[in-house]
Amino acid sequence: SLREKYMFTKIENNPKKSLYLFGLILSLAFAPTFVVPALLSLGIL
């Protein structure tokens, strides 16, 4: 359900915007925030 609702309709339909956003999110994994789940953005890429 999550895959159908979010992965396809929200992300796949807007690949450039989505990937730009996940690229922004990845930087949160570094100092000083160290938001570890942000690394999962690489999985989207």
PDB file of all heavy atoms in Angstrom:
ATOM      1  N   SER A   1       0.828  -1.203   0.000  1.00  0.00           N
ATOM      2  CA  SER A   1       0.000   0.000   0.000  1.00  0.00           C
ATOM      3  C   SER A   1       0.861   1.250   0.000  1.00  0.00           C
ATOM      4  O   SER A   1       0.601   2.200  -0.745  1.00  0.00           O
ATOM      5  CB  SER A   1      -0.913   0.002   1.229  1.00  0.00           C
ATOM      6  OG  SER A   1      -1.653   1.195   1.296  1.00  0.00           O
ATOM      7  N   LEU A   2       1.894   1.248   0.824  1.00  0.00           N
ATOM      8  CA  LEU A   2       2.805   2.388   0.877  1.00  0.00           C
ATOM      9  C   LEU A   2       3.512   2.579  -0.458  1.00  0.00           C
ATOM     10  O   LEU A   2       3.690   3.694  -0.938  1.00  0.00           O
ATOM     11  CB  LEU A   2       3.838   2.186   1.990  1.00  0.00           C
ATOM     12  CG  LEU A   2       3.333   2.323   3.419  1.00  0.00           C
ATOM     13  CD1 LEU A   2       4.423   1.924   4.400  1.00  0.00           C
ATOM     14  CD2 LEU A   2       2.881   3.756   3.681  1.00  0.00           C
ATOM     15  N   ARG A   3       3.913   1.466  -1.044  1.00  0.00           N
ATOM     16  CA  ARG A   3       4.628   1.511  -2.317  1.00  0.00           C
ATOM     17  C   ARG A   3       3.746   2.108  -3.406  1.00  0.00           C
ATOM     18  O   ARG A   3       4.182   2.953  -4.193  1.00  0.00           O
ATOM     19  CB  ARG A   3       5.068   0.104  -2.708  1.00  0.00           C
ATOM     20  CG  ARG A   3       5.945   0.045  -3.964  1.00  0.00           C
ATOM     21  CD  ARG A   3       6.493  -1.361  -4.124  1.00  0.00           C
ATOM     22  NE  ARG A   3       7.491  -1.408  -5.178  1.00  0.00           N
ATOM     23  CZ  ARG A   3       7.280  -1.882  -6.400  1.00  0.00           C
ATOM     24  NH1 ARG A   3       6.080  -2.333  -6.725  1.00  0.00           N
ATOM     25  NH2 ARG A   3       8.237  -1.907  -7.293  1.00  0.00           N
ATOM     26  N   GLU A   4       2.497   1.675  -3.430  1.00  0.00           N
ATOM     27  CA  GLU A   4       1.582   2.150  -4.462  1.00  0.00           C
ATOM     28  C   GLU A   4       1.212   3.611  -4.249  1.00  0.00           C
ATOM     29  O   GLU A   4       1.136   4.397  -5.188  1.00  0.00           O
ATOM     30  CB  GLU A   4       0.325   1.289  -4.466  1.00  0.00           C
ATOM     31  CG  GLU A   4      -0.668   1.702  -5.549  1.00  0.00           C
ATOM     32  CD  GLU A   4      -1.887   0.801  -5.561  1.00  0.00           C
ATOM     33  OE1 GLU A   4      -1.885  -0.224  -4.858  1.00  0.00           O
ATOM     34  OE2 GLU A   4      -2.838   1.139  -6.278  1.00  0.00           O
ATOM     35  N   LYS A   5       1.022   3.977  -2.985  1.00  0.00           N
ATOM     36  CA  LYS A   5       0.526   5.316  -2.690  1.00  0.00           C
ATOM     37  C   LYS A   5       1.614   6.368  -2.790  1.00  0.00           C
ATOM     38  O   LYS A   5       1.378   7.469  -3.282  1.00  0.00           O
ATOM     39  CB  LYS A   5      -0.096   5.330  -1.294  1.00  0.00           C
ATOM     40  CG  LYS A   5      -0.742   6.671  -0.930  1.00  0.00           C
ATOM     41  CD  LYS A   5      -1.419   6.587   0.423  1.00  0.00           C
ATOM     42  CE  LYS A   5      -2.071   7.916   0.780  1.00  0.00           C
ATOM     43  NZ  LYS A   5      -2.732   7.878   2.104  1.00  0.00           N
ATOM     44  N   TYR A   6       2.799   6.034  -2.269  1.00  0.00           N
ATOM     45  CA  TYR A   6       3.846   7.043  -2.184  1.00  0.00           C
ATOM     46  C   TYR A   6       4.956   6.851  -3.218  1.00  0.00           C
ATOM     47  O   TYR A   6       5.348   7.794  -3.900  1.00  0.00           O
ATOM     48  CB  TYR A   6       4.438   7.049  -0.773  1.00  0.00           C
ATOM     49  CG  TYR A   6       3.440   7.479   0.274  1.00  0.00           C
ATOM     50  CD1 TYR A   6       2.824   6.551   1.100  1.00  0.00           C
ATOM     51  CD2 TYR A   6       3.097   8.819   0.415  1.00  0.00           C
ATOM     52  CE1 TYR A   6       1.892   6.949   2.049  1.00  0.00           C
ATOM     53  CE2 TYR A   6       2.177   9.230   1.360  1.00  0.00           C
ATOM     54  CZ  TYR A   6       1.574   8.286   2.188  1.00  0.00           C
ATOM     55  OH  TYR A   6       0.655   8.683   3.111  1.00  0.00           O
ATOM     56  N   MET A   7       5.467   5.629  -3.328  1.00  0.00           N
ATOM     57  CA  MET A   7       6.599   5.396  -4.211  1.00  0.00           C
ATOM     58  C   MET A   7       6.261   5.740  -5.653  1.00  0.00           C
ATOM     59  O   MET A   7       7.016   6.416  -6.341  1.00  0.00           O
ATOM     60  CB  MET A   7       7.061   3.942  -4.104  1.00  0.00           C
ATOM     61  CG  MET A   7       8.296   3.617  -4.942  1.00  0.00           C
ATOM     62  SD  MET A   7       9.761   4.495  -4.364  1.00  0.00           S
ATOM     63  CE  MET A   7      10.126   3.538  -2.898  1.00  0.00           C
ATOM     64  N   PHE A   8       5.094   5.279  -6.108  1.00  0.00           N
ATOM     65  CA  PHE A   8       4.732   5.489  -7.508  1.00  0.00           C
ATOM     66  C   PHE A   8       4.123   6.873  -7.736  1.00  0.00           C
ATOM     67  O   PHE A   8       4.598   7.645  -8.556  1.00  0.00           O
ATOM     68  CB  PHE A   8       3.768   4.398  -7.972  1.00  0.00           C
ATOM     69  CG  PHE A   8       4.458   3.082  -8.198  1.00  0.00           C
ATOM     70  CD1 PHE A   8       4.090   1.953  -7.488  1.00  0.00           C
ATOM     71  CD2 PHE A   8       5.475   2.982  -9.124  1.00  0.00           C
ATOM     72  CE1 PHE A   8       4.720   0.737  -7.699  1.00  0.00           C
ATOM     73  CE2 PHE A   8       6.107   1.772  -9.349  1.00  0.00           C
ATOM     74  CZ  PHE A   8       5.740   0.646  -8.631  1.00  0.00           C
ATOM     75  N   THR A   9       3.055   7.171  -7.008  1.00  0.00           N
ATOM     76  CA  THR A   9       2.314   8.387  -7.309  1.00  0.00           C
ATOM     77  C   THR A   9       3.035   9.663  -6.882  1.00  0.00           C
ATOM     78  O   THR A   9       2.946  10.678  -7.557  1.00  0.00           O
ATOM     79  CB  THR A   9       0.928   8.347  -6.651  1.00  0.00           C
ATOM     80  OG1 THR A   9       1.086   8.242  -5.234  1.00  0.00           O
ATOM     81  CG2 THR A   9       0.144   7.148  -7.149  1.00  0.00           C
ATOM     82  N   LYS A  10       3.746   9.617  -5.746  1.00  0.00           N
ATOM     83  CA  LYS A  10       4.366  10.822  -5.210  1.00  0.00           C
ATOM     84  C   LYS A  10       5.797  11.024  -5.697  1.00  0.00           C
ATOM     85  O   LYS A  10       6.220  12.150  -5.920  1.00  0.00           O
ATOM     86  CB  LYS A  10       4.371  10.771  -3.671  1.00  0.00           C
ATOM     87  CG  LYS A  10       2.999  10.603  -3.043  1.00  0.00           C
ATOM     88  CD  LYS A  10       2.107  11.801  -3.334  1.00  0.00           C
ATOM     89  CE  LYS A  10       0.776  11.647  -2.599  1.00  0.00           C
ATOM     90  NZ  LYS A  10      -0.147  12.777  -2.875  1.00  0.00           N
ATOM     91  N   ILE A  11       6.515   9.957  -5.842  1.00  0.00           N
ATOM     92  CA  ILE A  11       7.938  10.066  -6.162  1.00  0.00           C
ATOM     93  C   ILE A  11       8.222   9.803  -7.632  1.00  0.00           C
ATOM     94  O   ILE A  11       8.851  10.622  -8.309  1.00  0.00           O
ATOM     95  CB  ILE A  11       8.755   9.100  -5.282  1.00  0.00           C
ATOM     96  CG1 ILE A  11       8.591   9.473  -3.803  1.00  0.00           C
ATOM     97  CG2 ILE A  11      10.223   9.132  -5.669  1.00  0.00           C
ATOM     98  CD1 ILE A  11       9.291   8.547  -2.857  1.00  0.00           C
ATOM     99  N   GLU A  12       7.742   8.682  -8.137  1.00  0.00           N
ATOM    100  CA  GLU A  12       8.078   8.313  -9.507  1.00  0.00           C
ATOM    101  C   GLU A  12       7.516   9.280 -10.541  1.00  0.00           C
ATOM    102  O   GLU A  12       8.098   9.463 -11.610  1.00  0.00           O
ATOM    103  CB  GLU A  12       7.602   6.897  -9.815  1.00  0.00           C
ATOM    104  CG  GLU A  12       8.467   5.826  -9.177  1.00  0.00           C
ATOM    105  CD  GLU A  12       8.166   4.458  -9.744  1.00  0.00           C
ATOM    106  OE1 GLU A  12       7.031   4.247 -10.220  1.00  0.00           O
ATOM    107  OE2 GLU A  12       9.060   3.601  -9.711  1.00  0.00           O
ATOM    108  N   ASN A  13       6.402   9.899 -10.234  1.00  0.00           N
ATOM    109  CA  ASN A  13       5.808  10.825 -11.191  1.00  0.00           C
ATOM    110  C   ASN A  13       6.548  12.162 -11.257  1.00  0.00           C
ATOM    111  O   ASN A  13       6.314  12.959 -12.179  1.00  0.00           O
ATOM    112  CB  ASN A  13       4.334  11.073 -10.849  1.00  0.00           C
ATOM    113  CG  ASN A  13       3.479   9.835 -11.090  1.00  0.00           C
ATOM    114  OD1 ASN A  13       3.880   8.930 -11.805  1.00  0.00           O
ATOM    115  ND2 ASN A  13       2.303   9.803 -10.480  1.00  0.00           N
ATOM    116  N   ASN A  14       7.410  12.415 -10.289  1.00  0.00           N
ATOM    117  CA  ASN A  14       8.202  13.648 -10.265  1.00  0.00           C
ATOM    118  C   ASN A  14       9.659  13.306  -9.946  1.00  0.00           C
ATOM    119  O   ASN A  14      10.174  13.681  -8.891  1.00  0.00           O
ATOM    120  CB  ASN A  14       7.654  14.621  -9.211  1.00  0.00           C
ATOM    121  CG  ASN A  14       6.229  15.028  -9.485  1.00  0.00           C
ATOM    122  OD1 ASN A  14       5.964  15.855 -10.346  1.00  0.00           O
ATOM    123  ND2 ASN A  14       5.288  14.432  -8.739  1.00  0.00           N
ATOM    124  N   PRO A  15      10.322  12.584 -10.840  1.00  0.00           N
ATOM    125  CA  PRO A  15      11.658  12.068 -10.529  1.00  0.00           C
ATOM    126  C   PRO A  15      12.707  13.143 -10.232  1.00  0.00           C
ATOM    127  O   PRO A  15      13.472  13.014  -9.279  1.00  0.00           O
ATOM    128  CB  PRO A  15      12.023  11.263 -11.773  1.00  0.00           C
ATOM    129  CG  PRO A  15      11.173  11.828 -12.866  1.00  0.00           C
ATOM    130  CD  PRO A  15       9.898  12.222 -12.194  1.00  0.00           C
ATOM    131  N   LYS A  16      12.745  14.207 -11.018  1.00  0.00           N
ATOM    132  CA  LYS A  16      13.769  15.232 -10.828  1.00  0.00           C
ATOM    133  C   LYS A  16      13.582  15.957  -9.503  1.00  0.00           C
ATOM    134  O   LYS A  16      14.532  16.122  -8.728  1.00  0.00           O
ATOM    135  CB  LYS A  16      13.754  16.216 -11.993  1.00  0.00           C
ATOM    136  CG  LYS A  16      14.131  15.607 -13.333  1.00  0.00           C
ATOM    137  CD  LYS A  16      14.039  16.627 -14.454  1.00  0.00           C
ATOM    138  CE  LYS A  16      14.372  15.999 -15.796  1.00  0.00           C
ATOM    139  NZ  LYS A  16      14.252  16.970 -16.917  1.00  0.00           N
ATOM    140  N   LYS A  17      12.348  16.385  -9.238  1.00  0.00           N
ATOM    141  CA  LYS A  17      12.066  17.082  -7.987  1.00  0.00           C
ATOM    142  C   LYS A  17      12.305  16.157  -6.792  1.00  0.00           C
ATOM    143  O   LYS A  17      12.862  16.569  -5.768  1.00  0.00           O
ATOM    144  CB  LYS A  17      10.633  17.588  -7.973  1.00  0.00           C
ATOM    145  CG  LYS A  17      10.348  18.689  -8.981  1.00  0.00           C
ATOM    146  CD  LYS A  17       8.898  19.129  -8.897  1.00  0.00           C
ATOM    147  CE  LYS A  17       8.606  20.215  -9.929  1.00  0.00           C
ATOM    148  NZ  LYS A  17       7.169  20.628  -9.882  1.00  0.00           N
ATOM    149  N   SER A  18      11.869  14.907  -6.940  1.00  0.00           N
ATOM    150  CA  SER A  18      12.009  13.953  -5.837  1.00  0.00           C
ATOM    151  C   SER A  18      13.480  13.690  -5.524  1.00  0.00           C
ATOM    152  O   SER A  18      13.890  13.704  -4.359  1.00  0.00           O
ATOM    153  CB  SER A  18      11.308  12.643  -6.185  1.00  0.00           C
ATOM    154  OG  SER A  18       9.919  12.846  -6.356  1.00  0.00           O
ATOM    155  N   LEU A  19      14.276  13.463  -6.567  1.00  0.00           N
ATOM    156  CA  LEU A  19      15.688  13.164  -6.352  1.00  0.00           C
ATOM    157  C   LEU A  19      16.434  14.379  -5.824  1.00  0.00           C
ATOM    158  O   LEU A  19      17.346  14.243  -5.001  1.00  0.00           O
ATOM    159  CB  LEU A  19      16.313  12.656  -7.654  1.00  0.00           C
ATOM    160  CG  LEU A  19      15.896  11.233  -8.024  1.00  0.00           C
ATOM    161  CD1 LEU A  19      16.281  10.903  -9.452  1.00  0.00           C
ATOM    162  CD2 LEU A  19      16.508  10.226  -7.056  1.00  0.00           C
ATOM    163  N   TYR A  20      16.075  15.558  -6.300  1.00  0.00           N
ATOM    164  CA  TYR A  20      16.687  16.780  -5.751  1.00  0.00           C
ATOM    165  C   TYR A  20      16.390  16.884  -4.260  1.00  0.00           C
ATOM    166  O   TYR A  20      17.275  17.197  -3.453  1.00  0.00           O
ATOM    167  CB  TYR A  20      16.162  18.003  -6.486  1.00  0.00           C
ATOM    168  CG  TYR A  20      16.756  19.301  -5.992  1.00  0.00           C
ATOM    169  CD1 TYR A  20      18.027  19.706  -6.391  1.00  0.00           C
ATOM    170  CD2 TYR A  20      16.049  20.126  -5.112  1.00  0.00           C
ATOM    171  CE1 TYR A  20      18.580  20.895  -5.939  1.00  0.00           C
ATOM    172  CE2 TYR A  20      16.593  21.314  -4.650  1.00  0.00           C
ATOM    173  CZ  TYR A  20      17.852  21.698  -5.073  1.00  0.00           C
ATOM    174  OH  TYR A  20      18.401  22.876  -4.612  1.00  0.00           O
ATOM    175  N   LEU A  21      15.151  16.588  -3.873  1.00  0.00           N
ATOM    176  CA  LEU A  21      14.750  16.645  -2.468  1.00  0.00           C
ATOM    177  C   LEU A  21      15.502  15.607  -1.642  1.00  0.00           C
ATOM    178  O   LEU A  21      16.011  15.920  -0.549  1.00  0.00           O
ATOM    179  CB  LEU A  21      13.244  16.408  -2.349  1.00  0.00           C
ATOM    180  CG  LEU A  21      12.686  16.312  -0.921  1.00  0.00           C
ATOM    181  CD1 LEU A  21      12.924  17.607  -0.172  1.00  0.00           C
ATOM    182  CD2 LEU A  21      11.196  15.977  -0.952  1.00  0.00           C
ATOM    183  N   PHE A  22      15.614  14.377  -2.156  1.00  0.00           N
ATOM    184  CA  PHE A  22      16.326  13.339  -1.402  1.00  0.00           C
ATOM    185  C   PHE A  22      17.819  13.633  -1.331  1.00  0.00           C
ATOM    186  O   PHE A  22      18.483  13.239  -0.378  1.00  0.00           O
ATOM    187  CB  PHE A  22      16.059  11.968  -2.015  1.00  0.00           C
ATOM    188  CG  PHE A  22      14.730  11.396  -1.637  1.00  0.00           C
ATOM    189  CD1 PHE A  22      13.689  11.325  -2.557  1.00  0.00           C
ATOM    190  CD2 PHE A  22      14.501  10.947  -0.344  1.00  0.00           C
ATOM    191  CE1 PHE A  22      12.450  10.810  -2.207  1.00  0.00           C
ATOM    192  CE2 PHE A  22      13.265  10.432   0.028  1.00  0.00           C
ATOM    193  CZ  PHE A  22      12.237  10.364  -0.907  1.00  0.00           C
ATOM    194  N   GLY A  23      18.344  14.319  -2.334  1.00  0.00           N
ATOM    195  CA  GLY A  23      19.736  14.764  -2.260  1.00  0.00           C
ATOM    196  C   GLY A  23      19.921  15.780  -1.143  1.00  0.00           C
ATOM    197  O   GLY A  23      20.905  15.735  -0.396  1.00  0.00           O
ATOM    198  N   LEU A  24      18.960  16.701  -1.024  1.00  0.00           N
ATOM    199  CA  LEU A  24      18.992  17.666   0.081  1.00  0.00           C
ATOM    200  C   LEU A  24      18.963  16.948   1.422  1.00  0.00           C
ATOM    201  O   LEU A  24      19.693  17.285   2.351  1.00  0.00           O
ATOM    202  CB  LEU A  24      17.793  18.617  -0.012  1.00  0.00           C
ATOM    203  CG  LEU A  24      17.741  19.613  -1.175  1.00  0.00           C
ATOM    204  CD1 LEU A  24      16.394  20.333  -1.174  1.00  0.00           C
ATOM    205  CD2 LEU A  24      18.867  20.626  -1.089  1.00  0.00           C
ATOM    206  N   ILE A  25      18.108  15.934   1.515  1.00  0.00           N
ATOM    207  CA  ILE A  25      17.939  15.201   2.768  1.00  0.00           C
ATOM    208  C   ILE A  25      19.221  14.464   3.156  1.00  0.00           C
ATOM    209  O   ILE A  25      19.572  14.384   4.345  1.00  0.00           O
ATOM    210  CB  ILE A  25      16.767  14.208   2.650  1.00  0.00           C
ATOM    211  CG1 ILE A  25      15.447  14.973   2.539  1.00  0.00           C
ATOM    212  CG2 ILE A  25      16.726  13.239   3.834  1.00  0.00           C
ATOM    213  CD1 ILE A  25      14.236  14.101   2.262  1.00  0.00           C
ATOM    214  N   LEU A  26      19.955  13.935   2.165  1.00  0.00           N
ATOM    215  CA  LEU A  26      21.163  13.163   2.465  1.00  0.00           C
ATOM    216  C   LEU A  26      22.167  13.966   3.277  1.00  0.00           C
ATOM    217  O   LEU A  26      22.864  13.415   4.146  1.00  0.00           O
ATOM    218  CB  LEU A  26      21.816  12.690   1.160  1.00  0.00           C
ATOM    219  CG  LEU A  26      23.130  11.914   1.308  1.00  0.00           C
ATOM    220  CD1 LEU A  26      22.916  10.646   2.134  1.00  0.00           C
ATOM    221  CD2 LEU A  26      23.708  11.573  -0.059  1.00  0.00           C
ATOM    222  N   SER A  27      22.261  15.262   3.037  1.00  0.00           N
ATOM    223  CA  SER A  27      23.240  16.078   3.751  1.00  0.00           C
ATOM    224  C   SER A  27      22.977  16.124   5.249  1.00  0.00           C
ATOM    225  O   SER A  27      23.882  16.428   6.038  1.00  0.00           O
ATOM    226  CB  SER A  27      23.258  17.500   3.183  1.00  0.00           C
ATOM    227  OG  SER A  27      22.036  18.162   3.454  1.00  0.00           O
ATOM    228  N   LEU A  28      21.750  15.813   5.668  1.00  0.00           N
ATOM    229  CA  LEU A  28      21.425  15.812   7.095  1.00  0.00           C
ATOM    230  C   LEU A  28      22.150  14.701   7.843  1.00  0.00           C
ATOM    231  O   LEU A  28      22.228  14.718   9.078  1.00  0.00           O
ATOM    232  CB  LEU A  28      19.911  15.659   7.289  1.00  0.00           C
ATOM    233  CG  LEU A  28      19.040  16.794   6.759  1.00  0.00           C
ATOM    234  CD1 LEU A  28      17.564  16.456   6.940  1.00  0.00           C
ATOM    235  CD2 LEU A  28      19.370  18.102   7.462  1.00  0.00           C
ATOM    236  N   ALA A  29      22.693  13.721   7.111  1.00  0.00           N
ATOM    237  CA  ALA A  29      23.399  12.609   7.750  1.00  0.00           C
ATOM    238  C   ALA A  29      24.792  13.032   8.227  1.00  0.00           C
ATOM    239  O   ALA A  29      25.445  12.288   8.961  1.00  0.00           O
ATOM    240  CB  ALA A  29      23.521  11.441   6.780  1.00  0.00           C
ATOM    241  N   PHE A  30      25.223  14.226   7.845  1.00  0.00           N
ATOM    242  CA  PHE A  30      26.552  14.701   8.213  1.00  0.00           C
ATOM    243  C   PHE A  30      26.469  15.663   9.389  1.00  0.00           C
ATOM    244  O   PHE A  30      25.379  16.043   9.823  1.00  0.00           O
ATOM    245  CB  PHE A  30      27.207  15.380   7.004  1.00  0.00           C
ATOM    246  CG  PHE A  30      27.475  14.441   5.861  1.00  0.00           C
ATOM    247  CD1 PHE A  30      26.480  14.121   4.949  1.00  0.00           C
ATOM    248  CD2 PHE A  30      28.731  13.867   5.691  1.00  0.00           C
ATOM    249  CE1 PHE A  30      26.711  13.247   3.904  1.00  0.00           C
ATOM    250  CE2 PHE A  30      28.987  12.996   4.642  1.00  0.00           C
ATOM    251  CZ  PHE A  30      27.974  12.679   3.754  1.00  0.00           C
ATOM    252  N   ALA A  31      27.640  16.052   9.896  1.00  0.00           N
ATOM    253  CA  ALA A  31      27.680  17.019  10.997  1.00  0.00           C
ATOM    254  C   ALA A  31      27.036  18.326  10.557  1.00  0.00           C
ATOM    255  O   ALA A  31      27.128  18.700   9.392  1.00  0.00           O
ATOM    256  CB  ALA A  31      29.137  17.254  11.403  1.00  0.00           C
ATOM    257  N   PRO A  32      26.390  19.046  11.462  1.00  0.00           N
ATOM    258  CA  PRO A  32      26.282  18.734  12.892  1.00  0.00           C
ATOM    259  C   PRO A  32      25.019  17.956  13.265  1.00  0.00           C
ATOM    260  O   PRO A  32      24.805  17.658  14.440  1.00  0.00           O
ATOM    261  CB  PRO A  32      26.233  20.125  13.515  1.00  0.00           C
ATOM    262  CG  PRO A  32      25.452  20.931  12.506  1.00  0.00           C
ATOM    263  CD  PRO A  32      25.884  20.401  11.152  1.00  0.00           C
ATOM    264  N   THR A  33      24.155  17.639  12.286  1.00  0.00           N
ATOM    265  CA  THR A  33      22.872  17.023  12.624  1.00  0.00           C
ATOM    266  C   THR A  33      22.961  15.516  12.820  1.00  0.00           C
ATOM    267  O   THR A  33      22.332  14.960  13.721  1.00  0.00           O
ATOM    268  CB  THR A  33      21.830  17.333  11.533  1.00  0.00           C
ATOM    269  OG1 THR A  33      22.403  17.003  10.252  1.00  0.00           O
ATOM    270  CG2 THR A  33      21.481  18.819  11.535  1.00  0.00           C
ATOM    271  N   PHE A  34      23.723  14.827  11.950  1.00  0.00           N
ATOM    272  CA  PHE A  34      23.887  13.371  12.027  1.00  0.00           C
ATOM    273  C   PHE A  34      22.545  12.638  12.102  1.00  0.00           C
ATOM    274  O   PHE A  34      22.321  11.806  12.977  1.00  0.00           O
ATOM    275  CB  PHE A  34      24.750  12.983  13.219  1.00  0.00           C
ATOM    276  CG  PHE A  34      26.201  13.353  13.060  1.00  0.00           C
ATOM    277  CD1 PHE A  34      26.816  14.219  13.958  1.00  0.00           C
ATOM    278  CD2 PHE A  34      26.959  12.854  12.014  1.00  0.00           C
ATOM    279  CE1 PHE A  34      28.146  14.566  13.815  1.00  0.00           C
ATOM    280  CE2 PHE A  34      28.295  13.196  11.859  1.00  0.00           C
ATOM    281  CZ  PHE A  34      28.894  14.047  12.760  1.00  0.00           C
ATOM    282  N   VAL A  35      21.637  12.972  11.186  1.00  0.00           N
ATOM    283  CA  VAL A  35      20.361  12.267  11.093  1.00  0.00           C
ATOM    284  C   VAL A  35      20.600  10.997  10.280  1.00  0.00           C
ATOM    285  O   VAL A  35      20.549  11.009   9.046  1.00  0.00           O
ATOM    286  CB  VAL A  35      19.279  13.143  10.422  1.00  0.00           C
ATOM    287  CG1 VAL A  35      17.963  12.385  10.342  1.00  0.00           C
ATOM    288  CG2 VAL A  35      19.113  14.450  11.192  1.00  0.00           C
ATOM    289  N   VAL A  36      20.871   9.901  10.952  1.00  0.00           N
ATOM    290  CA  VAL A  36      21.287   8.656  10.299  1.00  0.00           C
ATOM    291  C   VAL A  36      20.271   8.152   9.268  1.00  0.00           C
ATOM    292  O   VAL A  36      20.658   7.712   8.182  1.00  0.00           O
ATOM    293  CB  VAL A  36      21.583   7.567  11.347  1.00  0.00           C
ATOM    294  CG1 VAL A  36      21.945   6.250  10.672  1.00  0.00           C
ATOM    295  CG2 VAL A  36      22.733   8.018  12.256  1.00  0.00           C
ATOM    296  N   PRO A  37      18.955   8.189   9.549  1.00  0.00           N
ATOM    297  CA  PRO A  37      17.991   7.705   8.537  1.00  0.00           C
ATOM    298  C   PRO A  37      18.075   8.441   7.204  1.00  0.00           C
ATOM    299  O   PRO A  37      17.602   7.922   6.187  1.00  0.00           O
ATOM    300  CB  PRO A  37      16.637   7.941   9.218  1.00  0.00           C
ATOM    301  CG  PRO A  37      16.937   7.880  10.681  1.00  0.00           C
ATOM    302  CD  PRO A  37      18.276   8.519  10.822  1.00  0.00           C
ATOM    303  N   ALA A  38      18.675   9.631   7.192  1.00  0.00           N
ATOM    304  CA  ALA A  38      18.800  10.379   5.942  1.00  0.00           C
ATOM    305  C   ALA A  38      19.653   9.628   4.923  1.00  0.00           C
ATOM    306  O   ALA A  38      19.538   9.863   3.715  1.00  0.00           O
ATOM    307  CB  ALA A  38      19.410  11.756   6.217  1.00  0.00           C
ATOM    308  N   LEU A  39      20.498   8.709   5.393  1.00  0.00           N
ATOM    309  CA  LEU A  39      21.339   7.921   4.487  1.00  0.00           C
ATOM    310  C   LEU A  39      20.499   7.025   3.580  1.00  0.00           C
ATOM    311  O   LEU A  39      20.949   6.626   2.502  1.00  0.00           O
ATOM    312  CB  LEU A  39      22.318   7.065   5.294  1.00  0.00           C
ATOM    313  CG  LEU A  39      23.437   7.826   6.018  1.00  0.00           C
ATOM    314  CD1 LEU A  39      24.161   6.885   6.979  1.00  0.00           C
ATOM    315  CD2 LEU A  39      24.416   8.425   5.021  1.00  0.00           C
ATOM    316  N   LEU A  40      19.288   6.721   4.018  1.00  0.00           N
ATOM    317  CA  LEU A  40      18.419   5.863   3.214  1.00  0.00           C
ATOM    318  C   LEU A  40      17.986   6.547   1.916  1.00  0.00           C
ATOM    319  O   LEU A  40      17.424   5.901   1.032  1.00  0.00           O
ATOM    320  CB  LEU A  40      17.193   5.452   4.030  1.00  0.00           C
ATOM    321  CG  LEU A  40      17.498   4.670   5.322  1.00  0.00           C
ATOM    322  CD1 LEU A  40      16.210   4.294   6.035  1.00  0.00           C
ATOM    323  CD2 LEU A  40      18.326   3.428   5.026  1.00  0.00           C
ATOM    324  N   SER A  41      18.264   7.838   1.804  1.00  0.00           N
ATOM    325  CA  SER A  41      17.998   8.547   0.547  1.00  0.00           C
ATOM    326  C   SER A  41      18.760   7.908  -0.601  1.00  0.00           C
ATOM    327  O   SER A  41      18.312   7.949  -1.752  1.00  0.00           O
ATOM    328  CB  SER A  41      18.411  10.016   0.676  1.00  0.00           C
ATOM    329  OG  SER A  41      17.649  10.672   1.661  1.00  0.00           O
ATOM    330  N   LEU A  42      19.900   7.312  -0.285  1.00  0.00           N
ATOM    331  CA  LEU A  42      20.682   6.634  -1.322  1.00  0.00           C
ATOM    332  C   LEU A  42      19.899   5.465  -1.909  1.00  0.00           C
ATOM    333  O   LEU A  42      20.068   5.124  -3.082  1.00  0.00           O
ATOM    334  CB  LEU A  42      22.009   6.148  -0.756  1.00  0.00           C
ATOM    335  CG  LEU A  42      23.049   7.231  -0.456  1.00  0.00           C
ATOM    336  CD1 LEU A  42      24.242   6.633   0.281  1.00  0.00           C
ATOM    337  CD2 LEU A  42      23.497   7.911  -1.742  1.00  0.00           C
ATOM    338  N   GLY A  43      19.062   4.837  -1.097  1.00  0.00           N
ATOM    339  CA  GLY A  43      18.241   3.739  -1.595  1.00  0.00           C
ATOM    340  C   GLY A  43      17.264   4.218  -2.667  1.00  0.00           C
ATOM    341  O   GLY A  43      16.985   3.502  -3.636  1.00  0.00           O
ATOM    342  N   ILE A  44      16.754   5.436  -2.500  1.00  0.00           N
ATOM    343  CA  ILE A  44      15.855   6.017  -3.503  1.00  0.00           C
ATOM    344  C   ILE A  44      16.608   6.242  -4.808  1.00  0.00           C
ATOM    345  O   ILE A  44      16.103   5.932  -5.900  1.00  0.00           O
ATOM    346  CB  ILE A  44      15.262   7.341  -2.987  1.00  0.00           C
ATOM    347  CG1 ILE A  44      14.515   7.129  -1.663  1.00  0.00           C
ATOM    348  CG2 ILE A  44      14.357   7.953  -4.047  1.00  0.00           C
ATOM    349  CD1 ILE A  44      13.314   6.231  -1.782  1.00  0.00           C
ATOM    350  N   LEU A  45      17.823   6.778  -4.694  1.00  0.00           N
ATOM    351  CA  LEU A  45      18.638   6.977  -5.901  1.00  0.00           C
ATOM    352  C   LEU A  45      18.908   5.649  -6.590  1.00  0.00           C
ATOM    353  O   LEU A  45      18.778   5.532  -7.823  1.00  0.00           O
ATOM    354  CB  LEU A  45      19.956   7.649  -5.538  1.00  0.00           C
ATOM    355  CG  LEU A  45      20.962   7.795  -6.690  1.00  0.00           C
ATOM    356  CD1 LEU A  45      20.392   8.675  -7.794  1.00  0.00           C
ATOM    357  CD2 LEU A  45      22.284   8.353  -6.173  1.00  0.00           C
TER     358      LEU A  45
END
